[in-house]
């Protein structure tokens, strides 16, 4: 059975631009990387957990605030490059990205040193216009941007407003 993960892509609209909230992955492996080192706030879940609930929980854990939205768009699931099956929802909302505070994880660093250090799962978050987010996100998550933009284009053309979580 594949590992499963669920996430939430927050977006905000301004005249002529859609921005998405993404997080730069924490820890020493990602510290000096930028392009391809950002992620949708997400996390793994076990059998029996409700993916939508996990997506909201992980958003709060990784950004330090509950999801500032009540309506959600199901963007579906996709196997990402890590092999995980990722399910994502989107929601329109706003928050101060610079004040986000992530939970942490432990890692032996440097390797084989015997020293256990703590690192934030997300070391910073930012609002990025979708074209910039395409460059910043890990490659396997980029198709969710396409799904979001397709949904928003459909809505602008008089669609039904979308599915809810």
C-alpha atoms as a PDB file:
ATOM      1  CA  UNK A   1       0.000   0.000   0.000  1.00  0.00           C
ATOM      2  CA  UNK A   2       1.471   3.405  -0.956  1.00  0.00           C
ATOM      3  CA  UNK A   3       2.205   6.044   1.642  1.00  0.00           C
ATOM      4  CA  UNK A   4      -0.515   8.669   1.692  1.00  0.00           C
ATOM      5  CA  UNK A   5      -0.369  12.386   2.340  1.00  0.00           C
ATOM      6  CA  UNK A   6      -2.932  15.202   2.389  1.00  0.00           C
ATOM      7  CA  UNK A   7      -2.481  18.939   2.014  1.00  0.00           C
ATOM      8  CA  UNK A   8      -4.170  22.265   1.686  1.00  0.00           C
ATOM      9  CA  UNK A   9      -3.300  24.935  -0.869  1.00  0.00           C
ATOM     10  CA  UNK A  10      -4.417  28.373   0.301  1.00  0.00           C
ATOM     11  CA  UNK A  11      -4.844  30.984  -2.420  1.00  0.00           C
ATOM     12  CA  UNK A  12      -5.781  34.638  -2.673  1.00  0.00           C
ATOM     13  CA  UNK A  13      -6.899  36.658  -5.652  1.00  0.00           C
ATOM     14  CA  UNK A  14      -5.932  40.191  -6.574  1.00  0.00           C
ATOM     15  CA  UNK A  15      -6.607  41.973  -9.859  1.00  0.00           C
ATOM     16  CA  UNK A  16      -4.776  39.996 -12.527  1.00  0.00           C
ATOM     17  CA  UNK A  17      -2.960  37.620 -10.160  1.00  0.00           C
ATOM     18  CA  UNK A  18      -3.543  34.492  -8.129  1.00  0.00           C
ATOM     19  CA  UNK A  19      -1.098  33.889  -5.285  1.00  0.00           C
ATOM     20  CA  UNK A  20      -0.658  30.643  -3.380  1.00  0.00           C
ATOM     21  CA  UNK A  21       0.756  30.088   0.087  1.00  0.00           C
ATOM     22  CA  UNK A  22       3.675  27.660   0.077  1.00  0.00           C
ATOM     23  CA  UNK A  23       6.300  26.657   2.612  1.00  0.00           C
ATOM     24  CA  UNK A  24      10.047  26.232   2.200  1.00  0.00           C
ATOM     25  CA  UNK A  25      10.975  22.803   3.531  1.00  0.00           C
ATOM     26  CA  UNK A  26      13.068  22.884   6.678  1.00  0.00           C
ATOM     27  CA  UNK A  27      16.144  20.948   7.628  1.00  0.00           C
ATOM     28  CA  UNK A  28      19.716  20.815   6.394  1.00  0.00           C
ATOM     29  CA  UNK A  29      18.971  19.104   3.061  1.00  0.00           C
ATOM     30  CA  UNK A  30      16.809  22.035   1.868  1.00  0.00           C
ATOM     31  CA  UNK A  31      18.658  24.897   3.600  1.00  0.00           C
ATOM     32  CA  UNK A  32      20.580  26.165   0.571  1.00  0.00           C
ATOM     33  CA  UNK A  33      17.983  25.228  -2.054  1.00  0.00           C
ATOM     34  CA  UNK A  34      15.194  27.444  -3.360  1.00  0.00           C
ATOM     35  CA  UNK A  35      13.791  26.315  -6.727  1.00  0.00           C
ATOM     36  CA  UNK A  36      12.054  22.993  -6.173  1.00  0.00           C
ATOM     37  CA  UNK A  37      12.402  23.239  -2.375  1.00  0.00           C
ATOM     38  CA  UNK A  38       8.937  24.569  -1.493  1.00  0.00           C
ATOM     39  CA  UNK A  39       5.826  22.565  -0.697  1.00  0.00           C
ATOM     40  CA  UNK A  40       2.107  22.735  -0.222  1.00  0.00           C
ATOM     41  CA  UNK A  41       1.492  22.388   3.546  1.00  0.00           C
ATOM     42  CA  UNK A  42       0.806  18.659   3.897  1.00  0.00           C
ATOM     43  CA  UNK A  43       1.511  15.556   5.898  1.00  0.00           C
ATOM     44  CA  UNK A  44       1.243  11.784   5.912  1.00  0.00           C
ATOM     45  CA  UNK A  45      -1.737   9.931   7.285  1.00  0.00           C
ATOM     46  CA  UNK A  46      -2.506   6.386   8.312  1.00  0.00           C
ATOM     47  CA  UNK A  47      -5.313   4.079   7.259  1.00  0.00           C
ATOM     48  CA  UNK A  48      -8.508   5.091   9.023  1.00  0.00           C
ATOM     49  CA  UNK A  49      -7.679   8.801   9.174  1.00  0.00           C
ATOM     50  CA  UNK A  50      -9.829  11.220   7.173  1.00  0.00           C
ATOM     51  CA  UNK A  51      -7.575  12.874   4.554  1.00  0.00           C
ATOM     52  CA  UNK A  52      -9.430  16.215   4.651  1.00  0.00           C
ATOM     53  CA  UNK A  53      -9.034  16.392   8.452  1.00  0.00           C
ATOM     54  CA  UNK A  54      -5.341  15.552   8.072  1.00  0.00           C
ATOM     55  CA  UNK A  55      -4.912  18.335   5.485  1.00  0.00           C
ATOM     56  CA  UNK A  56      -6.377  20.907   7.892  1.00  0.00           C
ATOM     57  CA  UNK A  57      -4.329  19.559  10.835  1.00  0.00           C
ATOM     58  CA  UNK A  58      -1.075  19.630   8.856  1.00  0.00           C
ATOM     59  CA  UNK A  59      -1.769  23.181   7.651  1.00  0.00           C
ATOM     60  CA  UNK A  60      -2.107  24.299  11.269  1.00  0.00           C
ATOM     61  CA  UNK A  61       0.964  22.353  12.419  1.00  0.00           C
ATOM     62  CA  UNK A  62       3.193  23.624   9.625  1.00  0.00           C
ATOM     63  CA  UNK A  63       2.034  27.248   9.632  1.00  0.00           C
ATOM     64  CA  UNK A  64       0.990  27.715  13.260  1.00  0.00           C
ATOM     65  CA  UNK A  65      -2.555  28.852  12.471  1.00  0.00           C
ATOM     66  CA  UNK A  66      -5.852  27.201  11.583  1.00  0.00           C
ATOM     67  CA  UNK A  67      -6.929  27.321   7.942  1.00  0.00           C
ATOM     68  CA  UNK A  68      -8.530  30.772   7.446  1.00  0.00           C
ATOM     69  CA  UNK A  69     -11.305  29.425   5.209  1.00  0.00           C
ATOM     70  CA  UNK A  70     -14.610  27.578   5.366  1.00  0.00           C
ATOM     71  CA  UNK A  71     -15.119  26.574   1.729  1.00  0.00           C
ATOM     72  CA  UNK A  72     -12.797  24.082   0.059  1.00  0.00           C
ATOM     73  CA  UNK A  73     -12.170  22.861  -3.469  1.00  0.00           C
ATOM     74  CA  UNK A  74     -11.170  19.231  -3.923  1.00  0.00           C
ATOM     75  CA  UNK A  75      -8.160  19.173  -6.266  1.00  0.00           C
ATOM     76  CA  UNK A  76      -8.014  15.383  -6.198  1.00  0.00           C
ATOM     77  CA  UNK A  77      -5.128  13.027  -5.670  1.00  0.00           C
ATOM     78  CA  UNK A  78      -1.960  12.289  -7.556  1.00  0.00           C
ATOM     79  CA  UNK A  79       1.120  10.138  -7.152  1.00  0.00           C
ATOM     80  CA  UNK A  80       4.023  12.534  -6.630  1.00  0.00           C
ATOM     81  CA  UNK A  81       7.707  11.957  -7.356  1.00  0.00           C
ATOM     82  CA  UNK A  82       8.369  10.592  -3.855  1.00  0.00           C
ATOM     83  CA  UNK A  83       5.910   7.791  -4.637  1.00  0.00           C
ATOM     84  CA  UNK A  84       3.347   9.046  -2.122  1.00  0.00           C
ATOM     85  CA  UNK A  85      -0.283   9.416  -3.056  1.00  0.00           C
ATOM     86  CA  UNK A  86      -1.017  13.096  -2.308  1.00  0.00           C
ATOM     87  CA  UNK A  87      -4.565  14.432  -1.944  1.00  0.00           C
ATOM     88  CA  UNK A  88      -4.993  18.232  -1.959  1.00  0.00           C
ATOM     89  CA  UNK A  89      -7.751  20.720  -1.308  1.00  0.00           C
ATOM     90  CA  UNK A  90      -7.630  24.424  -2.087  1.00  0.00           C
ATOM     91  CA  UNK A  91      -9.275  27.281  -0.231  1.00  0.00           C
ATOM     92  CA  UNK A  92      -9.418  31.018  -0.704  1.00  0.00           C
ATOM     93  CA  UNK A  93      -8.108  32.856   2.337  1.00  0.00           C
ATOM     94  CA  UNK A  94      -5.413  35.117   3.680  1.00  0.00           C
ATOM     95  CA  UNK A  95      -2.903  35.135   6.504  1.00  0.00           C
ATOM     96  CA  UNK A  96       0.400  36.753   7.393  1.00  0.00           C
ATOM     97  CA  UNK A  97       2.955  34.367   5.907  1.00  0.00           C
ATOM     98  CA  UNK A  98       5.865  36.052   7.678  1.00  0.00           C
ATOM     99  CA  UNK A  99       4.442  35.273  11.126  1.00  0.00           C
ATOM    100  CA  UNK A 100       3.989  31.537  10.513  1.00  0.00           C
ATOM    101  CA  UNK A 101       5.686  29.153  12.942  1.00  0.00           C
ATOM    102  CA  UNK A 102       6.089  25.479  12.089  1.00  0.00           C
ATOM    103  CA  UNK A 103       6.264  22.371  14.203  1.00  0.00           C
ATOM    104  CA  UNK A 104       9.662  20.626  14.284  1.00  0.00           C
ATOM    105  CA  UNK A 105      11.228  17.240  13.597  1.00  0.00           C
ATOM    106  CA  UNK A 106      14.347  15.598  14.981  1.00  0.00           C
ATOM    107  CA  UNK A 107      17.272  14.495  12.851  1.00  0.00           C
ATOM    108  CA  UNK A 108      20.773  13.255  13.557  1.00  0.00           C
ATOM    109  CA  UNK A 109      22.894  16.076  12.178  1.00  0.00           C
ATOM    110  CA  UNK A 110      25.588  16.004  10.993  1.00  0.00           C
ATOM    111  CA  UNK A 111      25.094  12.405   9.838  1.00  0.00           C
ATOM    112  CA  UNK A 112      26.731   9.769  12.084  1.00  0.00           C
ATOM    113  CA  UNK A 113      27.628  12.466  14.650  1.00  0.00           C
ATOM    114  CA  UNK A 114      25.316  11.139  17.353  1.00  0.00           C
ATOM    115  CA  UNK A 115      23.906  14.666  17.753  1.00  0.00           C
ATOM    116  CA  UNK A 116      20.133  14.947  17.476  1.00  0.00           C
ATOM    117  CA  UNK A 117      18.932  18.375  16.395  1.00  0.00           C
ATOM    118  CA  UNK A 118      15.493  19.852  15.872  1.00  0.00           C
ATOM    119  CA  UNK A 119      14.487  21.541  12.622  1.00  0.00           C
ATOM    120  CA  UNK A 120      11.229  23.191  11.560  1.00  0.00           C
ATOM    121  CA  UNK A 121       9.204  21.236   9.000  1.00  0.00           C
ATOM    122  CA  UNK A 122       8.661  24.545   7.183  1.00  0.00           C
ATOM    123  CA  UNK A 123      11.367  27.146   7.824  1.00  0.00           C
ATOM    124  CA  UNK A 124       9.482  29.985   6.116  1.00  0.00           C
ATOM    125  CA  UNK A 125       6.313  30.499   4.152  1.00  0.00           C
ATOM    126  CA  UNK A 126       5.453  32.958   1.413  1.00  0.00           C
ATOM    127  CA  UNK A 127       2.724  34.067  -0.935  1.00  0.00           C
ATOM    128  CA  UNK A 128       3.889  33.461  -4.491  1.00  0.00           C
ATOM    129  CA  UNK A 129       2.163  34.281  -7.775  1.00  0.00           C
ATOM    130  CA  UNK A 130       1.328  31.006  -9.520  1.00  0.00           C
ATOM    131  CA  UNK A 131       4.085  31.381 -12.185  1.00  0.00           C
ATOM    132  CA  UNK A 132       6.688  31.765  -9.398  1.00  0.00           C
ATOM    133  CA  UNK A 133       5.146  28.895  -7.415  1.00  0.00           C
ATOM    134  CA  UNK A 134       5.607  26.634 -10.467  1.00  0.00           C
ATOM    135  CA  UNK A 135       9.370  27.162 -10.111  1.00  0.00           C
ATOM    136  CA  UNK A 136       9.457  27.038  -6.310  1.00  0.00           C
ATOM    137  CA  UNK A 137       7.374  23.903  -5.671  1.00  0.00           C
ATOM    138  CA  UNK A 138       8.784  20.397  -5.764  1.00  0.00           C
ATOM    139  CA  UNK A 139       7.994  19.145  -9.268  1.00  0.00           C
ATOM    140  CA  UNK A 140       5.429  16.539  -8.258  1.00  0.00           C
ATOM    141  CA  UNK A 141       3.144  19.171  -6.713  1.00  0.00           C
ATOM    142  CA  UNK A 142       3.047  21.568  -9.688  1.00  0.00           C
ATOM    143  CA  UNK A 143       0.049  19.822 -11.346  1.00  0.00           C
ATOM    144  CA  UNK A 144      -2.089  20.889  -8.372  1.00  0.00           C
ATOM    145  CA  UNK A 145      -1.498  24.495  -9.455  1.00  0.00           C
ATOM    146  CA  UNK A 146      -2.884  23.567 -12.880  1.00  0.00           C
ATOM    147  CA  UNK A 147      -5.928  21.996 -11.248  1.00  0.00           C
ATOM    148  CA  UNK A 148      -6.513  25.098  -9.120  1.00  0.00           C
ATOM    149  CA  UNK A 149      -6.154  27.443 -12.097  1.00  0.00           C
ATOM    150  CA  UNK A 150      -8.499  25.247 -14.157  1.00  0.00           C
ATOM    151  CA  UNK A 151     -11.095  25.388 -11.399  1.00  0.00           C
ATOM    152  CA  UNK A 152     -10.796  29.174 -11.084  1.00  0.00           C
ATOM    153  CA  UNK A 153     -11.082  29.609 -14.858  1.00  0.00           C
ATOM    154  CA  UNK A 154     -14.206  27.428 -14.853  1.00  0.00           C
ATOM    155  CA  UNK A 155     -15.651  29.502 -11.989  1.00  0.00           C
ATOM    156  CA  UNK A 156     -14.948  32.741 -13.896  1.00  0.00           C
ATOM    157  CA  UNK A 157     -16.776  31.262 -16.883  1.00  0.00           C
ATOM    158  CA  UNK A 158     -19.898  30.742 -14.768  1.00  0.00           C
ATOM    159  CA  UNK A 159     -19.201  27.326 -13.257  1.00  0.00           C
ATOM    160  CA  UNK A 160     -20.915  25.895 -10.214  1.00  0.00           C
ATOM    161  CA  UNK A 161     -18.451  27.114  -7.590  1.00  0.00           C
ATOM    162  CA  UNK A 162     -16.763  23.785  -6.986  1.00  0.00           C
ATOM    163  CA  UNK A 163     -16.756  20.846  -4.650  1.00  0.00           C
ATOM    164  CA  UNK A 164     -16.399  21.113  -0.914  1.00  0.00           C
ATOM    165  CA  UNK A 165     -14.364  18.996   1.466  1.00  0.00           C
END
